[in-house]
Amino acid sequence: FQQTFKRPLPIAVFGQGAIHNQWHLDHRNAMDVSLNPDGPEGQALMDFMRRNGIPFSAFRAAIPGVATGPHIHIGSPSHRY
């Protein structure tokens, strides 16, 4: 990502964050990246993950209790606890 887009991958949360605790989501083995999945950077990241078998979920809008806004979740889906 750094080499292609000349900036670091914008990681919003690596592992468990306060919002995940509030929503009772187990996010310990995942990270959220602040990229719009419809933008060129988001598309490039998702293409890379598809090619390399890395699980992810793309969020295009806020979903109450699930997502605060557009981002890419890297890792298996977070489960409620």
N, C-alpha and C. Protein backbone atom coordinates (compact mmCIF):
# COMPACT_ATOMS: atom_id res chain seq x y z
N PHE A 1 0.83 -1.19 0.00
CA PHE A 1 0.00 0.00 0.00
C PHE A 1 0.88 1.25 0.00
N GLN A 2 1.86 1.26 0.89
CA GLN A 2 2.78 2.40 1.00
C GLN A 2 3.47 2.67 -0.34
N GLN A 3 3.93 1.63 -0.98
CA GLN A 3 4.66 1.78 -2.24
C GLN A 3 3.75 2.30 -3.36
N THR A 4 2.53 1.81 -3.40
CA THR A 4 1.60 2.21 -4.46
C THR A 4 1.00 3.58 -4.23
N PHE A 5 0.55 3.86 -3.00
CA PHE A 5 -0.19 5.09 -2.73
C PHE A 5 0.60 6.15 -1.97
N LYS A 6 1.86 5.85 -1.66
CA LYS A 6 2.77 6.83 -1.05
C LYS A 6 2.29 7.33 0.31
N ARG A 7 1.60 6.45 1.04
CA ARG A 7 1.19 6.77 2.41
C ARG A 7 0.94 5.45 3.13
N PRO A 8 1.02 5.47 4.46
CA PRO A 8 0.78 4.23 5.20
C PRO A 8 -0.68 3.79 5.12
N LEU A 9 -0.88 2.51 5.29
CA LEU A 9 -2.24 1.98 5.35
C LEU A 9 -2.95 2.64 6.53
N PRO A 10 -4.10 3.28 6.31
CA PRO A 10 -4.77 4.01 7.40
C PRO A 10 -5.53 3.08 8.35
N ILE A 11 -4.81 2.46 9.26
CA ILE A 11 -5.42 1.53 10.22
C ILE A 11 -6.13 2.34 11.30
N ALA A 12 -7.43 2.14 11.42
CA ALA A 12 -8.23 2.85 12.42
C ALA A 12 -8.16 2.14 13.76
N VAL A 13 -8.30 0.82 13.74
CA VAL A 13 -8.27 0.02 14.97
C VAL A 13 -7.56 -1.30 14.66
N PHE A 14 -6.56 -1.62 15.48
CA PHE A 14 -5.87 -2.90 15.37
C PHE A 14 -6.23 -3.71 16.61
N GLY A 15 -7.02 -4.74 16.43
CA GLY A 15 -7.49 -5.52 17.58
C GLY A 15 -8.74 -4.90 18.19
N GLN A 16 -8.92 -5.16 19.46
CA GLN A 16 -10.12 -4.73 20.18
C GLN A 16 -10.07 -3.24 20.47
N GLY A 17 -11.13 -2.52 20.14
CA GLY A 17 -11.22 -1.09 20.42
C GLY A 17 -12.42 -0.79 21.31
N ALA A 18 -12.49 0.44 21.78
CA ALA A 18 -13.58 0.85 22.67
C ALA A 18 -14.95 0.63 22.04
N ILE A 19 -15.09 0.95 20.75
CA ILE A 19 -16.39 0.79 20.10
C ILE A 19 -16.78 -0.68 20.04
N HIS A 20 -15.81 -1.55 19.86
CA HIS A 20 -16.11 -2.99 19.82
C HIS A 20 -16.56 -3.48 21.19
N ASN A 21 -15.94 -2.97 22.23
CA ASN A 21 -16.38 -3.31 23.59
C ASN A 21 -17.81 -2.83 23.83
N GLN A 22 -18.09 -1.60 23.40
CA GLN A 22 -19.43 -1.02 23.58
C GLN A 22 -20.49 -1.84 22.85
N TRP A 23 -20.14 -2.33 21.67
CA TRP A 23 -21.08 -3.11 20.86
C TRP A 23 -20.99 -4.61 21.13
N HIS A 24 -20.14 -5.01 22.07
CA HIS A 24 -19.96 -6.43 22.43
C HIS A 24 -19.55 -7.27 21.23
N LEU A 25 -18.58 -6.76 20.47
CA LEU A 25 -18.04 -7.49 19.32
C LEU A 25 -16.62 -7.96 19.64
N ASP A 26 -16.33 -9.22 19.36
CA ASP A 26 -14.99 -9.76 19.54
C ASP A 26 -14.16 -9.40 18.30
N HIS A 27 -13.30 -8.42 18.44
CA HIS A 27 -12.52 -7.87 17.34
C HIS A 27 -11.02 -8.09 17.58
N ARG A 28 -10.69 -9.02 18.48
CA ARG A 28 -9.30 -9.21 18.91
C ARG A 28 -8.37 -9.62 17.78
N ASN A 29 -8.85 -10.38 16.82
CA ASN A 29 -7.99 -10.88 15.74
C ASN A 29 -8.32 -10.22 14.41
N ALA A 30 -8.63 -8.93 14.46
CA ALA A 30 -9.02 -8.21 13.24
C ALA A 30 -8.51 -6.78 13.31
N MET A 31 -8.64 -6.08 12.19
CA MET A 31 -8.34 -4.65 12.17
C MET A 31 -9.31 -3.96 11.22
N ASP A 32 -9.52 -2.68 11.47
CA ASP A 32 -10.35 -1.86 10.60
C ASP A 32 -9.46 -0.84 9.91
N VAL A 33 -9.67 -0.69 8.61
CA VAL A 33 -8.89 0.24 7.80
C VAL A 33 -9.82 1.32 7.30
N SER A 34 -9.41 2.57 7.49
CA SER A 34 -10.23 3.73 7.11
C SER A 34 -10.10 4.03 5.62
N LEU A 35 -10.66 3.14 4.82
CA LEU A 35 -10.71 3.35 3.38
C LEU A 35 -12.12 3.06 2.90
N ASN A 36 -12.60 3.89 1.98
CA ASN A 36 -13.89 3.62 1.37
C ASN A 36 -13.70 2.46 0.39
N PRO A 37 -14.46 1.38 0.55
CA PRO A 37 -14.28 0.24 -0.34
C PRO A 37 -14.58 0.54 -1.81
N ASP A 38 -15.27 1.63 -2.09
CA ASP A 38 -15.59 1.98 -3.48
C ASP A 38 -14.52 2.86 -4.12
N GLY A 39 -13.58 3.38 -3.32
CA GLY A 39 -12.52 4.24 -3.85
C GLY A 39 -11.38 3.42 -4.42
N PRO A 40 -10.48 4.07 -5.16
CA PRO A 40 -9.36 3.35 -5.77
C PRO A 40 -8.46 2.65 -4.75
N GLU A 41 -8.22 3.28 -3.61
CA GLU A 41 -7.37 2.66 -2.59
C GLU A 41 -8.06 1.45 -1.98
N GLY A 42 -9.35 1.59 -1.69
CA GLY A 42 -10.11 0.47 -1.14
C GLY A 42 -10.19 -0.69 -2.11
N GLN A 43 -10.40 -0.38 -3.39
CA GLN A 43 -10.46 -1.43 -4.41
C GLN A 43 -9.13 -2.15 -4.53
N ALA A 44 -8.03 -1.41 -4.49
CA ALA A 44 -6.71 -2.02 -4.59
C ALA A 44 -6.44 -2.93 -3.38
N LEU A 45 -6.79 -2.47 -2.19
CA LEU A 45 -6.59 -3.29 -1.00
C LEU A 45 -7.42 -4.56 -1.06
N MET A 46 -8.68 -4.45 -1.46
CA MET A 46 -9.54 -5.63 -1.54
C MET A 46 -9.05 -6.60 -2.61
N ASP A 47 -8.56 -6.09 -3.74
CA ASP A 47 -8.00 -6.96 -4.79
C ASP A 47 -6.80 -7.73 -4.24
N PHE A 48 -5.93 -7.04 -3.50
CA PHE A 48 -4.76 -7.69 -2.89
C PHE A 48 -5.20 -8.80 -1.93
N MET A 49 -6.19 -8.50 -1.10
CA MET A 49 -6.64 -9.50 -0.13
C MET A 49 -7.30 -10.69 -0.82
N ARG A 50 -8.07 -10.45 -1.86
CA ARG A 50 -8.67 -11.56 -2.62
C ARG A 50 -7.59 -12.46 -3.21
N ARG A 51 -6.59 -11.84 -3.83
CA ARG A 51 -5.50 -12.61 -4.45
C ARG A 51 -4.72 -13.43 -3.43
N ASN A 52 -4.67 -12.96 -2.19
CA ASN A 52 -3.87 -13.61 -1.16
C ASN A 52 -4.69 -14.40 -0.14
N GLY A 53 -5.98 -14.55 -0.38
CA GLY A 53 -6.83 -15.35 0.50
C GLY A 53 -7.01 -14.77 1.89
N ILE A 54 -6.94 -13.46 2.01
CA ILE A 54 -7.11 -12.79 3.30
C ILE A 54 -8.59 -12.45 3.47
N PRO A 55 -9.22 -12.91 4.55
CA PRO A 55 -10.64 -12.61 4.74
C PRO A 55 -10.87 -11.13 5.07
N PHE A 56 -11.96 -10.58 4.56
CA PHE A 56 -12.30 -9.19 4.85
C PHE A 56 -13.79 -8.97 4.62
N SER A 57 -14.27 -7.87 5.15
CA SER A 57 -15.65 -7.41 4.91
C SER A 57 -15.57 -5.93 4.56
N ALA A 58 -16.37 -5.52 3.59
CA ALA A 58 -16.40 -4.12 3.18
C ALA A 58 -17.70 -3.47 3.64
N PHE A 59 -17.57 -2.34 4.30
CA PHE A 59 -18.73 -1.58 4.77
C PHE A 59 -18.78 -0.27 4.00
N ARG A 60 -19.89 -0.03 3.32
CA ARG A 60 -20.02 1.16 2.50
C ARG A 60 -20.75 2.30 3.20
N ALA A 61 -21.34 2.01 4.35
CA ALA A 61 -22.09 3.03 5.10
C ALA A 61 -22.17 2.60 6.56
N ALA A 62 -22.59 3.51 7.39
CA ALA A 62 -22.78 3.19 8.81
C ALA A 62 -23.94 2.20 8.95
N ILE A 63 -23.78 1.27 9.89
CA ILE A 63 -24.82 0.31 10.25
C ILE A 63 -24.90 0.33 11.77
N PRO A 64 -26.00 0.78 12.34
CA PRO A 64 -26.09 0.89 13.80
C PRO A 64 -25.70 -0.41 14.52
N GLY A 65 -24.77 -0.29 15.45
CA GLY A 65 -24.32 -1.43 16.23
C GLY A 65 -23.34 -2.34 15.52
N VAL A 66 -22.96 -1.97 14.28
CA VAL A 66 -22.07 -2.83 13.48
C VAL A 66 -20.90 -2.04 12.90
N ALA A 67 -21.18 -0.90 12.28
CA ALA A 67 -20.13 -0.11 11.62
C ALA A 67 -20.43 1.38 11.78
N THR A 68 -19.38 2.15 12.08
CA THR A 68 -19.55 3.59 12.25
C THR A 68 -19.58 4.34 10.93
N GLY A 69 -19.13 3.70 9.86
CA GLY A 69 -19.10 4.33 8.55
C GLY A 69 -18.32 3.46 7.58
N PRO A 70 -18.07 3.98 6.37
CA PRO A 70 -17.34 3.20 5.38
C PRO A 70 -15.96 2.80 5.89
N HIS A 71 -15.62 1.53 5.74
CA HIS A 71 -14.29 1.03 6.09
C HIS A 71 -14.16 -0.41 5.61
N ILE A 72 -12.95 -0.92 5.73
CA ILE A 72 -12.68 -2.32 5.39
C ILE A 72 -12.23 -3.03 6.66
N HIS A 73 -12.94 -4.08 7.00
CA HIS A 73 -12.62 -4.91 8.16
C HIS A 73 -11.75 -6.05 7.65
N ILE A 74 -10.54 -6.18 8.18
CA ILE A 74 -9.64 -7.25 7.76
C ILE A 74 -9.63 -8.32 8.84
N GLY A 75 -9.96 -9.53 8.43
CA GLY A 75 -10.04 -10.66 9.35
C GLY A 75 -11.40 -11.31 9.23
N SER A 76 -11.58 -12.37 9.99
CA SER A 76 -12.89 -13.03 10.02
C SER A 76 -13.91 -12.10 10.66
N PRO A 77 -15.19 -12.30 10.38
CA PRO A 77 -16.22 -11.44 10.97
C PRO A 77 -16.15 -11.46 12.50
N SER A 78 -16.42 -10.31 13.10
CA SER A 78 -16.46 -10.21 14.56
C SER A 78 -17.78 -10.77 15.06
N HIS A 79 -17.71 -11.55 16.12
CA HIS A 79 -18.92 -12.14 16.70
C HIS A 79 -19.27 -11.44 18.00
N ARG A 80 -20.56 -11.41 18.31
CA ARG A 80 -21.01 -10.80 19.56
C ARG A 80 -20.69 -11.70 20.73
N TYR A 81 -20.42 -11.07 21.86
CA TYR A 81 -20.19 -11.83 23.09
C TYR A 81 -21.11 -11.33 24.18
